Amino acid sequence: MAVVTPRAGEEHRIRNRNPKIKFSEDYPLQWHRTIPEFACACNAVSLLMPHVEPFVVRSVERVADRLDDDVRPAALAFARQERQHHSQHRRFNDRVYAAHPGLAWIDRLMAATFRVLDRRSDEFGVAFSAGAETIAYAGARWTDDRIGLLFDDAEPTARRLFLWHLAEEVEHKGAAHDVWESFSGNRFKYVLGTMTSVLVLAFFAFIGTLGLLWTQRKLFSPRAHMNLFIWSCTYIFEFMPLAVISALPGHHPNDLTDPVYLPTWLKIEVDHEL
């Protein structure tokens, strides 16, 4: 077991929030007025959340009693946030599948995939979770740089769902890393877990986006594919340096400079209501 020195007071920084998001029965799944392909991509990521988030929660909670005492409180606070993400996205996804029942096969395939991953070792689960959180944090940084372009014309309820989730990814960016360091610290296993999480999440985000583009009659739209290609490339340039740095000895995610908009938005738009 590695010796870990997490940042002081980390568990107090990670808050359990209910963002009070309500979706009407006829909520428009095409919630972006000017770039509908962005809504399709976000909805595809949302479809993943009721599978990847519970996997992360199970992976962390299974090893909680074997973590250093100064790591465990933040790890459990992190798991509570992930459980809330799962709950909110599941409610949104119920409307996606109700409107497009032909996409239910994607949900079944994701469920089967994560059942297989659940049979792997606890060490793999922790490494996968740490890698997935690096992916999510990169997504938050990428979004923050483009916040006006991506969300100015978004419907307010969907905007709140996705910004709240991304802002909390910034807030708990170091928690999964500390769990991995405390429980294992094996860098080869971390790289393997990260590579697996990249492949799994990218694959399901890709097929989910294609399926949703089909439902919106945008599958053969050159503009949609050009935007998705550009976004994918720029995200990769955001993610790759973080992935390399995260595998280096002595690195801690809290040493990274956070995006500016998302934490400020979280404090103004959500925290003042709690």
C-alpha atoms as a PDB file:
ATOM      1  CA  MET A   1       0.000   0.000   0.000  1.00  0.00           C
ATOM      2  CA  ALA A   2       1.385   3.374  -0.985  1.00  0.00           C
ATOM      3  CA  VAL A   3       1.743   6.242   1.446  1.00  0.00           C
ATOM      4  CA  VAL A   4      -0.601   9.050   0.413  1.00  0.00           C
ATOM      5  CA  THR A   5      -0.806  12.600   1.649  1.00  0.00           C
ATOM      6  CA  PRO A   6      -4.079  13.996   0.314  1.00  0.00           C
ATOM      7  CA  ARG A   7      -4.791  17.688   0.479  1.00  0.00           C
ATOM      8  CA  ALA A   8      -6.006  18.780   3.905  1.00  0.00           C
ATOM      9  CA  GLY A   9      -9.746  19.021   4.325  1.00  0.00           C
ATOM     10  CA  GLU A  10     -10.469  17.304   1.022  1.00  0.00           C
ATOM     11  CA  GLU A  11     -13.604  15.608   2.335  1.00  0.00           C
ATOM     12  CA  HIS A  12     -15.048  18.984   3.331  1.00  0.00           C
ATOM     13  CA  ARG A  13     -14.479  20.397  -0.151  1.00  0.00           C
ATOM     14  CA  ILE A  14     -16.506  17.581  -1.759  1.00  0.00           C
ATOM     15  CA  ARG A  15     -20.154  18.410  -1.081  1.00  0.00           C
ATOM     16  CA  ASN A  16     -23.184  16.213  -1.596  1.00  0.00           C
ATOM     17  CA  ARG A  17     -25.680  18.273  -3.611  1.00  0.00           C
ATOM     18  CA  ASN A  18     -29.106  17.729  -5.060  1.00  0.00           C
ATOM     19  CA  PRO A  19     -29.259  20.148  -7.998  1.00  0.00           C
ATOM     20  CA  LYS A  20     -33.090  20.009  -8.071  1.00  0.00           C
ATOM     21  CA  ILE A  21     -33.352  19.187 -11.752  1.00  0.00           C
ATOM     22  CA  LYS A  22     -36.847  18.436 -13.047  1.00  0.00           C
ATOM     23  CA  PHE A  23     -37.636  17.071 -16.494  1.00  0.00           C
ATOM     24  CA  SER A  24     -41.179  17.242 -17.815  1.00  0.00           C
ATOM     25  CA  GLU A  25     -42.668  14.194 -19.504  1.00  0.00           C
ATOM     26  CA  ASP A  26     -42.414  15.927 -22.875  1.00  0.00           C
ATOM     27  CA  TYR A  27     -38.922  17.338 -22.265  1.00  0.00           C
ATOM     28  CA  PRO A  28     -37.191  18.105 -25.610  1.00  0.00           C
ATOM     29  CA  LEU A  29     -34.273  15.729 -26.042  1.00  0.00           C
ATOM     30  CA  GLN A  30     -32.973  18.014 -28.753  1.00  0.00           C
ATOM     31  CA  TRP A  31     -32.238  20.718 -26.218  1.00  0.00           C
ATOM     32  CA  HIS A  32     -29.700  22.759 -28.175  1.00  0.00           C
ATOM     33  CA  ARG A  33     -31.192  25.246 -30.610  1.00  0.00           C
ATOM     34  CA  THR A  34     -28.135  25.959 -32.775  1.00  0.00           C
ATOM     35  CA  ILE A  35     -25.852  22.906 -32.560  1.00  0.00           C
ATOM     36  CA  PRO A  36     -28.110  19.870 -32.150  1.00  0.00           C
ATOM     37  CA  GLU A  37     -25.190  17.473 -32.638  1.00  0.00           C
ATOM     38  CA  PHE A  38     -23.755  18.753 -29.360  1.00  0.00           C
ATOM     39  CA  ALA A  39     -26.951  17.727 -27.573  1.00  0.00           C
ATOM     40  CA  CYS A  40     -26.677  14.288 -29.205  1.00  0.00           C
ATOM     41  CA  ALA A  41     -23.088  13.893 -27.957  1.00  0.00           C
ATOM     42  CA  CYS A  42     -24.007  15.049 -24.427  1.00  0.00           C
ATOM     43  CA  ASN A  43     -27.029  12.746 -24.348  1.00  0.00           C
ATOM     44  CA  ALA A  44     -24.808   9.842 -25.403  1.00  0.00           C
ATOM     45  CA  VAL A  45     -22.471  10.575 -22.498  1.00  0.00           C
ATOM     46  CA  SER A  46     -25.498  10.750 -20.215  1.00  0.00           C
ATOM     47  CA  LEU A  47     -26.537   7.244 -21.311  1.00  0.00           C
ATOM     48  CA  LEU A  48     -23.184   6.010 -19.955  1.00  0.00           C
ATOM     49  CA  MET A  49     -23.539   7.546 -16.522  1.00  0.00           C
ATOM     50  CA  PRO A  50     -25.913   4.965 -14.921  1.00  0.00           C
ATOM     51  CA  HIS A  51     -23.280   2.345 -15.714  1.00  0.00           C
ATOM     52  CA  VAL A  52     -19.878   3.963 -15.214  1.00  0.00           C
ATOM     53  CA  GLU A  53     -20.816   5.968 -12.098  1.00  0.00           C
ATOM     54  CA  PRO A  54     -22.137   2.940 -10.127  1.00  0.00           C
ATOM     55  CA  PHE A  55     -19.024   1.008 -11.199  1.00  0.00           C
ATOM     56  CA  VAL A  56     -16.831   3.769  -9.785  1.00  0.00           C
ATOM     57  CA  VAL A  57     -18.887   3.877  -6.574  1.00  0.00           C
ATOM     58  CA  ARG A  58     -18.651   0.097  -6.123  1.00  0.00           C
ATOM     59  CA  SER A  59     -14.910   0.136  -6.832  1.00  0.00           C
ATOM     60  CA  VAL A  60     -14.269   2.839  -4.228  1.00  0.00           C
ATOM     61  CA  GLU A  61     -16.603   1.481  -1.557  1.00  0.00           C
ATOM     62  CA  ARG A  62     -15.242  -2.064  -1.875  1.00  0.00           C
ATOM     63  CA  VAL A  63     -11.779  -0.877  -0.849  1.00  0.00           C
ATOM     64  CA  ALA A  64     -12.816   1.895   1.564  1.00  0.00           C
ATOM     65  CA  ASP A  65     -11.940  -0.068   4.702  1.00  0.00           C
ATOM     66  CA  ARG A  66      -8.468  -0.732   3.298  1.00  0.00           C
ATOM     67  CA  LEU A  67      -7.616   2.901   2.599  1.00  0.00           C
ATOM     68  CA  ASP A  68      -5.478   5.196   4.717  1.00  0.00           C
ATOM     69  CA  ASP A  69      -7.519   6.926   7.409  1.00  0.00           C
ATOM     70  CA  ASP A  70      -6.868  10.359   5.904  1.00  0.00           C
ATOM     71  CA  VAL A  71      -8.026   9.218   2.456  1.00  0.00           C
ATOM     72  CA  ARG A  72     -11.246   7.392   3.400  1.00  0.00           C
ATOM     73  CA  PRO A  73     -13.514  10.398   4.237  1.00  0.00           C
ATOM     74  CA  ALA A  74     -12.865  12.143   0.908  1.00  0.00           C
ATOM     75  CA  ALA A  75     -13.230   8.835  -0.949  1.00  0.00           C
ATOM     76  CA  LEU A  76     -16.670   8.259   0.549  1.00  0.00           C
ATOM     77  CA  ALA A  77     -17.709  11.879  -0.111  1.00  0.00           C
ATOM     78  CA  PHE A  78     -16.602  11.380  -3.716  1.00  0.00           C
ATOM     79  CA  ALA A  79     -18.688   8.190  -3.944  1.00  0.00           C
ATOM     80  CA  ARG A  80     -21.752  10.079  -2.680  1.00  0.00           C
ATOM     81  CA  GLN A  81     -21.334  12.670  -5.425  1.00  0.00           C
ATOM     82  CA  GLU A  82     -20.997   9.945  -8.054  1.00  0.00           C
ATOM     83  CA  ARG A  83     -24.167   8.272  -6.775  1.00  0.00           C
ATOM     84  CA  GLN A  84     -26.047  11.555  -7.190  1.00  0.00           C
ATOM     85  CA  HIS A  85     -24.724  11.903 -10.756  1.00  0.00           C
ATOM     86  CA  HIS A  86     -26.029   8.438 -11.551  1.00  0.00           C
ATOM     87  CA  SER A  87     -29.450   9.238 -10.123  1.00  0.00           C
ATOM     88  CA  GLN A  88     -29.916  12.491 -12.041  1.00  0.00           C
ATOM     89  CA  HIS A  89     -28.722  11.077 -15.354  1.00  0.00           C
ATOM     90  CA  ARG A  90     -30.897   7.983 -14.998  1.00  0.00           C
ATOM     91  CA  ARG A  91     -33.975  10.198 -14.739  1.00  0.00           C
ATOM     92  CA  PHE A  92     -32.933  12.051 -17.885  1.00  0.00           C
ATOM     93  CA  ASN A  93     -32.101   8.813 -19.711  1.00  0.00           C
ATOM     94  CA  ASP A  94     -35.530   7.363 -18.951  1.00  0.00           C
ATOM     95  CA  ARG A  95     -36.940  10.039 -21.233  1.00  0.00           C
ATOM     96  CA  VAL A  96     -34.363   9.282 -23.931  1.00  0.00           C
ATOM     97  CA  TYR A  97     -35.258   5.584 -24.001  1.00  0.00           C
ATOM     98  CA  ALA A  98     -38.986   6.301 -23.756  1.00  0.00           C
ATOM     99  CA  ALA A  99     -38.746   8.529 -26.827  1.00  0.00           C
ATOM    100  CA  HIS A 100     -36.375   6.187 -28.697  1.00  0.00           C
ATOM    101  CA  PRO A 101     -36.926   2.586 -27.502  1.00  0.00           C
ATOM    102  CA  GLY A 102     -34.808   1.348 -30.394  1.00  0.00           C
ATOM    103  CA  LEU A 103     -31.727   2.566 -28.503  1.00  0.00           C
ATOM    104  CA  ALA A 104     -32.354   0.246 -25.540  1.00  0.00           C
ATOM    105  CA  TRP A 105     -29.841  -2.252 -26.949  1.00  0.00           C
ATOM    106  CA  ILE A 106     -27.068   0.236 -26.126  1.00  0.00           C
ATOM    107  CA  ASP A 107     -28.149   0.243 -22.482  1.00  0.00           C
ATOM    108  CA  ARG A 108     -28.157  -3.572 -22.409  1.00  0.00           C
ATOM    109  CA  LEU A 109     -24.704  -3.722 -23.990  1.00  0.00           C
ATOM    110  CA  MET A 110     -23.304  -1.218 -21.484  1.00  0.00           C
ATOM    111  CA  ALA A 111     -24.817  -3.160 -18.591  1.00  0.00           C
ATOM    112  CA  ALA A 112     -23.246  -6.408 -19.862  1.00  0.00           C
ATOM    113  CA  THR A 113     -19.868  -4.712 -20.337  1.00  0.00           C
ATOM    114  CA  PHE A 114     -19.739  -3.343 -16.810  1.00  0.00           C
ATOM    115  CA  ARG A 115     -20.837  -6.700 -15.395  1.00  0.00           C
ATOM    116  CA  VAL A 116     -17.722  -8.163 -17.023  1.00  0.00           C
ATOM    117  CA  LEU A 117     -15.537  -5.350 -15.676  1.00  0.00           C
ATOM    118  CA  ASP A 118     -16.992  -5.921 -12.209  1.00  0.00           C
ATOM    119  CA  ARG A 119     -15.454  -9.396 -12.210  1.00  0.00           C
ATOM    120  CA  ARG A 120     -11.963  -7.949 -12.435  1.00  0.00           C
ATOM    121  CA  SER A 121      -9.824  -7.299  -9.366  1.00  0.00           C
ATOM    122  CA  ASP A 122     -10.382  -4.494  -6.882  1.00  0.00           C
ATOM    123  CA  GLU A 123      -7.068  -3.052  -8.034  1.00  0.00           C
ATOM    124  CA  PHE A 124      -8.347  -2.882 -11.606  1.00  0.00           C
ATOM    125  CA  GLY A 125     -11.575  -1.217 -10.482  1.00  0.00           C
ATOM    126  CA  VAL A 126      -9.679   1.479  -8.601  1.00  0.00           C
ATOM    127  CA  ALA A 127      -7.312   2.065 -11.540  1.00  0.00           C
ATOM    128  CA  PHE A 128     -10.221   2.222 -13.997  1.00  0.00           C
ATOM    129  CA  SER A 129     -11.986   4.722 -11.738  1.00  0.00           C
ATOM    130  CA  ALA A 130      -8.927   6.952 -11.455  1.00  0.00           C
ATOM    131  CA  GLY A 131      -8.519   6.881 -15.233  1.00  0.00           C
ATOM    132  CA  ALA A 132     -12.204   7.660 -15.777  1.00  0.00           C
ATOM    133  CA  GLU A 133     -11.937  10.666 -13.465  1.00  0.00           C
ATOM    134  CA  THR A 134      -8.984  11.962 -15.489  1.00  0.00           C
ATOM    135  CA  ILE A 135     -11.176  11.676 -18.589  1.00  0.00           C
ATOM    136  CA  ALA A 136     -13.983  13.553 -16.837  1.00  0.00           C
ATOM    137  CA  TYR A 137     -11.695  16.288 -15.536  1.00  0.00           C
ATOM    138  CA  ALA A 138     -10.270  16.791 -19.027  1.00  0.00           C
ATOM    139  CA  GLY A 139     -13.851  17.092 -20.262  1.00  0.00           C
ATOM    140  CA  ALA A 140     -14.547  19.800 -17.692  1.00  0.00           C
ATOM    141  CA  ARG A 141     -11.476  21.787 -18.734  1.00  0.00           C
ATOM    142  CA  TRP A 142     -12.335  21.372 -22.407  1.00  0.00           C
ATOM    143  CA  THR A 143     -15.911  22.540 -21.849  1.00  0.00           C
ATOM    144  CA  ASP A 144     -14.899  25.493 -19.685  1.00  0.00           C
ATOM    145  CA  ASP A 145     -12.803  26.898 -22.544  1.00  0.00           C
ATOM    146  CA  ARG A 146     -15.859  26.776 -24.853  1.00  0.00           C
ATOM    147  CA  ILE A 147     -18.660  27.477 -22.405  1.00  0.00           C
ATOM    148  CA  GLY A 148     -20.356  30.246 -24.381  1.00  0.00           C
ATOM    149  CA  LEU A 149     -20.221  28.458 -27.716  1.00  0.00           C
ATOM    150  CA  LEU A 150     -21.562  25.196 -26.281  1.00  0.00           C
ATOM    151  CA  PHE A 151     -24.148  26.313 -23.736  1.00  0.00           C
ATOM    152  CA  ASP A 152     -25.406  29.824 -24.494  1.00  0.00           C
ATOM    153  CA  ASP A 153     -28.211  28.443 -26.678  1.00  0.00           C
ATOM    154  CA  ALA A 154     -28.863  25.344 -24.572  1.00  0.00           C
ATOM    155  CA  GLU A 155     -32.202  24.738 -22.855  1.00  0.00           C
ATOM    156  CA  PRO A 156     -31.751  25.745 -19.170  1.00  0.00           C
ATOM    157  CA  THR A 157     -32.590  22.375 -17.565  1.00  0.00           C
ATOM    158  CA  ALA A 158     -30.115  20.398 -19.657  1.00  0.00           C
ATOM    159  CA  ARG A 159     -27.570  23.155 -19.191  1.00  0.00           C
ATOM    160  CA  ARG A 160     -27.932  22.847 -15.418  1.00  0.00           C
ATOM    161  CA  LEU A 161     -27.582  19.053 -15.492  1.00  0.00           C
ATOM    162  CA  PHE A 162     -24.374  18.981 -17.494  1.00  0.00           C
ATOM    163  CA  LEU A 163     -22.697  22.030 -15.944  1.00  0.00           C
ATOM    164  CA  TRP A 164     -23.440  20.782 -12.424  1.00  0.00           C
ATOM    165  CA  HIS A 165     -21.929  17.401 -13.240  1.00  0.00           C
ATOM    166  CA  LEU A 166     -18.820  18.891 -14.870  1.00  0.00           C
ATOM    167  CA  ALA A 167     -18.312  21.355 -12.022  1.00  0.00           C
ATOM    168  CA  GLU A 168     -18.340  18.531  -9.481  1.00  0.00           C
ATOM    169  CA  GLU A 169     -15.778  16.659 -11.592  1.00  0.00           C
ATOM    170  CA  VAL A 170     -13.505  19.627 -10.960  1.00  0.00           C
ATOM    171  CA  GLU A 171     -14.344  19.620  -7.255  1.00  0.00           C
ATOM    172  CA  HIS A 172     -13.456  15.960  -6.680  1.00  0.00           C
ATOM    173  CA  LYS A 173     -10.669  15.702  -9.250  1.00  0.00           C
ATOM    174  CA  GLY A 174      -8.125  14.335  -6.750  1.00  0.00           C
ATOM    175  CA  ALA A 175     -10.309  11.824  -4.876  1.00  0.00           C
ATOM    176  CA  ALA A 176     -10.040   8.806  -7.192  1.00  0.00           C
ATOM    177  CA  HIS A 177      -6.306   9.442  -7.578  1.00  0.00           C
ATOM    178  CA  ASP A 178      -5.882   9.320  -3.801  1.00  0.00           C
ATOM    179  CA  VAL A 179      -7.880   6.075  -3.611  1.00  0.00           C
ATOM    180  CA  TRP A 180      -5.656   4.502  -6.247  1.00  0.00           C
ATOM    181  CA  GLU A 181      -2.450   5.717  -4.570  1.00  0.00           C
ATOM    182  CA  SER A 182      -3.594   4.539  -1.139  1.00  0.00           C
ATOM    183  CA  PHE A 183      -4.854   1.154  -2.282  1.00  0.00           C
ATOM    184  CA  SER A 184      -2.282   0.274  -4.927  1.00  0.00           C
ATOM    185  CA  GLY A 185      -0.037   2.887  -6.514  1.00  0.00           C
ATOM    186  CA  ASN A 186       1.011   0.374  -9.201  1.00  0.00           C
ATOM    187  CA  ARG A 187       1.604   2.592 -12.219  1.00  0.00           C
ATOM    188  CA  PHE A 188       1.417  -0.206 -14.774  1.00  0.00           C
ATOM    189  CA  LYS A 189      -1.999  -1.175 -13.437  1.00  0.00           C
ATOM    190  CA  TYR A 190      -3.038   2.468 -13.503  1.00  0.00           C
ATOM    191  CA  VAL A 191      -2.070   2.821 -17.171  1.00  0.00           C
ATOM    192  CA  LEU A 192      -3.933  -0.394 -17.990  1.00  0.00           C
ATOM    193  CA  GLY A 193      -7.028   0.811 -16.141  1.00  0.00           C
ATOM    194  CA  THR A 194      -6.885   4.216 -17.832  1.00  0.00           C
ATOM    195  CA  MET A 195      -6.503   2.677 -21.287  1.00  0.00           C
ATOM    196  CA  THR A 196      -9.470   0.395 -20.610  1.00  0.00           C
ATOM    197  CA  SER A 197     -11.614   3.299 -19.424  1.00  0.00           C
ATOM    198  CA  VAL A 198     -10.691   5.335 -22.514  1.00  0.00           C
ATOM    199  CA  LEU A 199     -11.632   2.490 -24.847  1.00  0.00           C
ATOM    200  CA  VAL A 200     -14.888   1.644 -23.064  1.00  0.00           C
ATOM    201  CA  LEU A 201     -16.118   5.208 -22.605  1.00  0.00           C
ATOM    202  CA  ALA A 202     -15.080   6.356 -26.079  1.00  0.00           C
ATOM    203  CA  PHE A 203     -16.730   3.359 -27.731  1.00  0.00           C
ATOM    204  CA  PHE A 204     -20.064   3.815 -26.005  1.00  0.00           C
ATOM    205  CA  ALA A 205     -20.027   7.598 -26.426  1.00  0.00           C
ATOM    206  CA  PHE A 206     -19.391   7.041 -30.144  1.00  0.00           C
ATOM    207  CA  ILE A 207     -22.151   4.521 -30.788  1.00  0.00           C
ATOM    208  CA  GLY A 208     -24.558   6.438 -28.560  1.00  0.00           C
ATOM    209  CA  THR A 209     -23.904   9.642 -30.506  1.00  0.00           C
ATOM    210  CA  LEU A 210     -24.436   7.875 -33.831  1.00  0.00           C
ATOM    211  CA  GLY A 211     -27.681   6.357 -32.556  1.00  0.00           C
ATOM    212  CA  LEU A 212     -28.967   9.708 -31.366  1.00  0.00           C
ATOM    213  CA  LEU A 213     -27.930  11.437 -34.583  1.00  0.00           C
ATOM    214  CA  TRP A 214     -29.985   8.832 -36.405  1.00  0.00           C
ATOM    215  CA  THR A 215     -33.045   9.562 -34.287  1.00  0.00           C
ATOM    216  CA  GLN A 216     -32.642  13.283 -35.039  1.00  0.00           C
ATOM    217  CA  ARG A 217     -32.105  12.655 -38.784  1.00  0.00           C
ATOM    218  CA  LYS A 218     -28.620  14.150 -38.510  1.00  0.00           C
ATOM    219  CA  LEU A 219     -26.567  11.018 -39.154  1.00  0.00           C
ATOM    220  CA  PHE A 220     -25.587  12.134 -42.659  1.00  0.00           C
ATOM    221  CA  SER A 221     -25.161  15.805 -41.841  1.00  0.00           C
ATOM    222  CA  PRO A 222     -21.671  16.986 -42.945  1.00  0.00           C
ATOM    223  CA  ARG A 223     -21.801  19.869 -40.492  1.00  0.00           C
ATOM    224  CA  ALA A 224     -22.617  17.568 -37.575  1.00  0.00           C
ATOM    225  CA  HIS A 225     -19.731  15.239 -38.360  1.00  0.00           C
ATOM    226  CA  MET A 226     -17.310  18.116 -38.909  1.00  0.00           C
ATOM    227  CA  ASN A 227     -18.185  19.595 -35.514  1.00  0.00           C
ATOM    228  CA  LEU A 228     -17.923  16.214 -33.789  1.00  0.00           C
ATOM    229  CA  PHE A 229     -14.544  15.588 -35.435  1.00  0.00           C
ATOM    230  CA  ILE A 230     -13.173  18.978 -34.365  1.00  0.00           C
ATOM    231  CA  TRP A 231     -14.483  18.570 -30.816  1.00  0.00           C
ATOM    232  CA  SER A 232     -12.978  15.080 -30.573  1.00  0.00           C
ATOM    233  CA  CYS A 233      -9.562  16.249 -31.778  1.00  0.00           C
ATOM    234  CA  THR A 234      -9.434  19.247 -29.456  1.00  0.00           C
ATOM    235  CA  TYR A 235     -10.567  17.080 -26.529  1.00  0.00           C
ATOM    236  CA  ILE A 236      -7.771  14.590 -27.236  1.00  0.00           C
ATOM    237  CA  PHE A 237      -5.242  17.435 -27.069  1.00  0.00           C
ATOM    238  CA  GLU A 238      -6.729  18.383 -23.692  1.00  0.00           C
ATOM    239  CA  PHE A 239      -6.797  14.832 -22.344  1.00  0.00           C
ATOM    240  CA  MET A 240      -3.462  13.372 -23.470  1.00  0.00           C
ATOM    241  CA  PRO A 241      -1.154  15.656 -21.421  1.00  0.00           C
ATOM    242  CA  LEU A 242      -3.316  15.062 -18.342  1.00  0.00           C
ATOM    243  CA  ALA A 243      -3.187  11.289 -18.899  1.00  0.00           C
ATOM    244  CA  VAL A 244       0.611  11.332 -19.155  1.00  0.00           C
ATOM    245  CA  ILE A 245       1.082  13.619 -16.157  1.00  0.00           C
ATOM    246  CA  SER A 246      -1.315  11.574 -14.033  1.00  0.00           C
ATOM    247  CA  ALA A 247       0.879   8.478 -14.408  1.00  0.00           C
ATOM    248  CA  LEU A 248       4.061  10.243 -13.245  1.00  0.00           C
ATOM    249  CA  PRO A 249       5.439   9.787  -9.712  1.00  0.00           C
ATOM    250  CA  GLY A 250       4.711  12.707  -7.431  1.00  0.00           C
ATOM    251  CA  HIS A 251       1.805  14.011  -9.469  1.00  0.00           C
ATOM    252  CA  HIS A 252      -1.413  15.047  -7.755  1.00  0.00           C
ATOM    253  CA  PRO A 253      -4.463  16.305  -9.693  1.00  0.00           C
ATOM    254  CA  ASN A 254      -4.921  19.145  -7.223  1.00  0.00           C
ATOM    255  CA  ASP A 255      -1.657  20.615  -8.519  1.00  0.00           C
ATOM    256  CA  LEU A 256      -3.403  21.334 -11.834  1.00  0.00           C
ATOM    257  CA  THR A 257      -4.942  24.725 -12.530  1.00  0.00           C
ATOM    258  CA  ASP A 258      -8.710  24.467 -12.423  1.00  0.00           C
ATOM    259  CA  PRO A 259     -11.004  25.975 -15.022  1.00  0.00           C
ATOM    260  CA  VAL A 260     -12.521  29.277 -13.921  1.00  0.00           C
ATOM    261  CA  TYR A 261     -16.150  29.274 -15.018  1.00  0.00           C
ATOM    262  CA  LEU A 262     -17.457  25.926 -13.748  1.00  0.00           C
ATOM    263  CA  PRO A 263     -16.499  26.265 -10.046  1.00  0.00           C
ATOM    264  CA  THR A 264     -17.849  29.827 -10.048  1.00  0.00           C
ATOM    265  CA  TRP A 265     -21.087  28.710 -11.697  1.00  0.00           C
ATOM    266  CA  LEU A 266     -21.487  25.915  -9.133  1.00  0.00           C
ATOM    267  CA  LYS A 267     -21.129  28.325  -6.236  1.00  0.00           C
ATOM    268  CA  ILE A 268     -23.548  30.904  -7.682  1.00  0.00           C
ATOM    269  CA  GLU A 269     -26.170  28.681  -9.302  1.00  0.00           C
ATOM    270  CA  VAL A 270     -26.314  25.629  -6.996  1.00  0.00           C
ATOM    271  CA  ASP A 271     -24.589  26.178  -3.666  1.00  0.00           C
ATOM    272  CA  HIS A 272     -26.611  29.256  -2.737  1.00  0.00           C
ATOM    273  CA  GLU A 273     -29.782  27.131  -2.889  1.00  0.00           C
ATOM    274  CA  LEU A 274     -28.511  24.510  -0.424  1.00  0.00           C
END
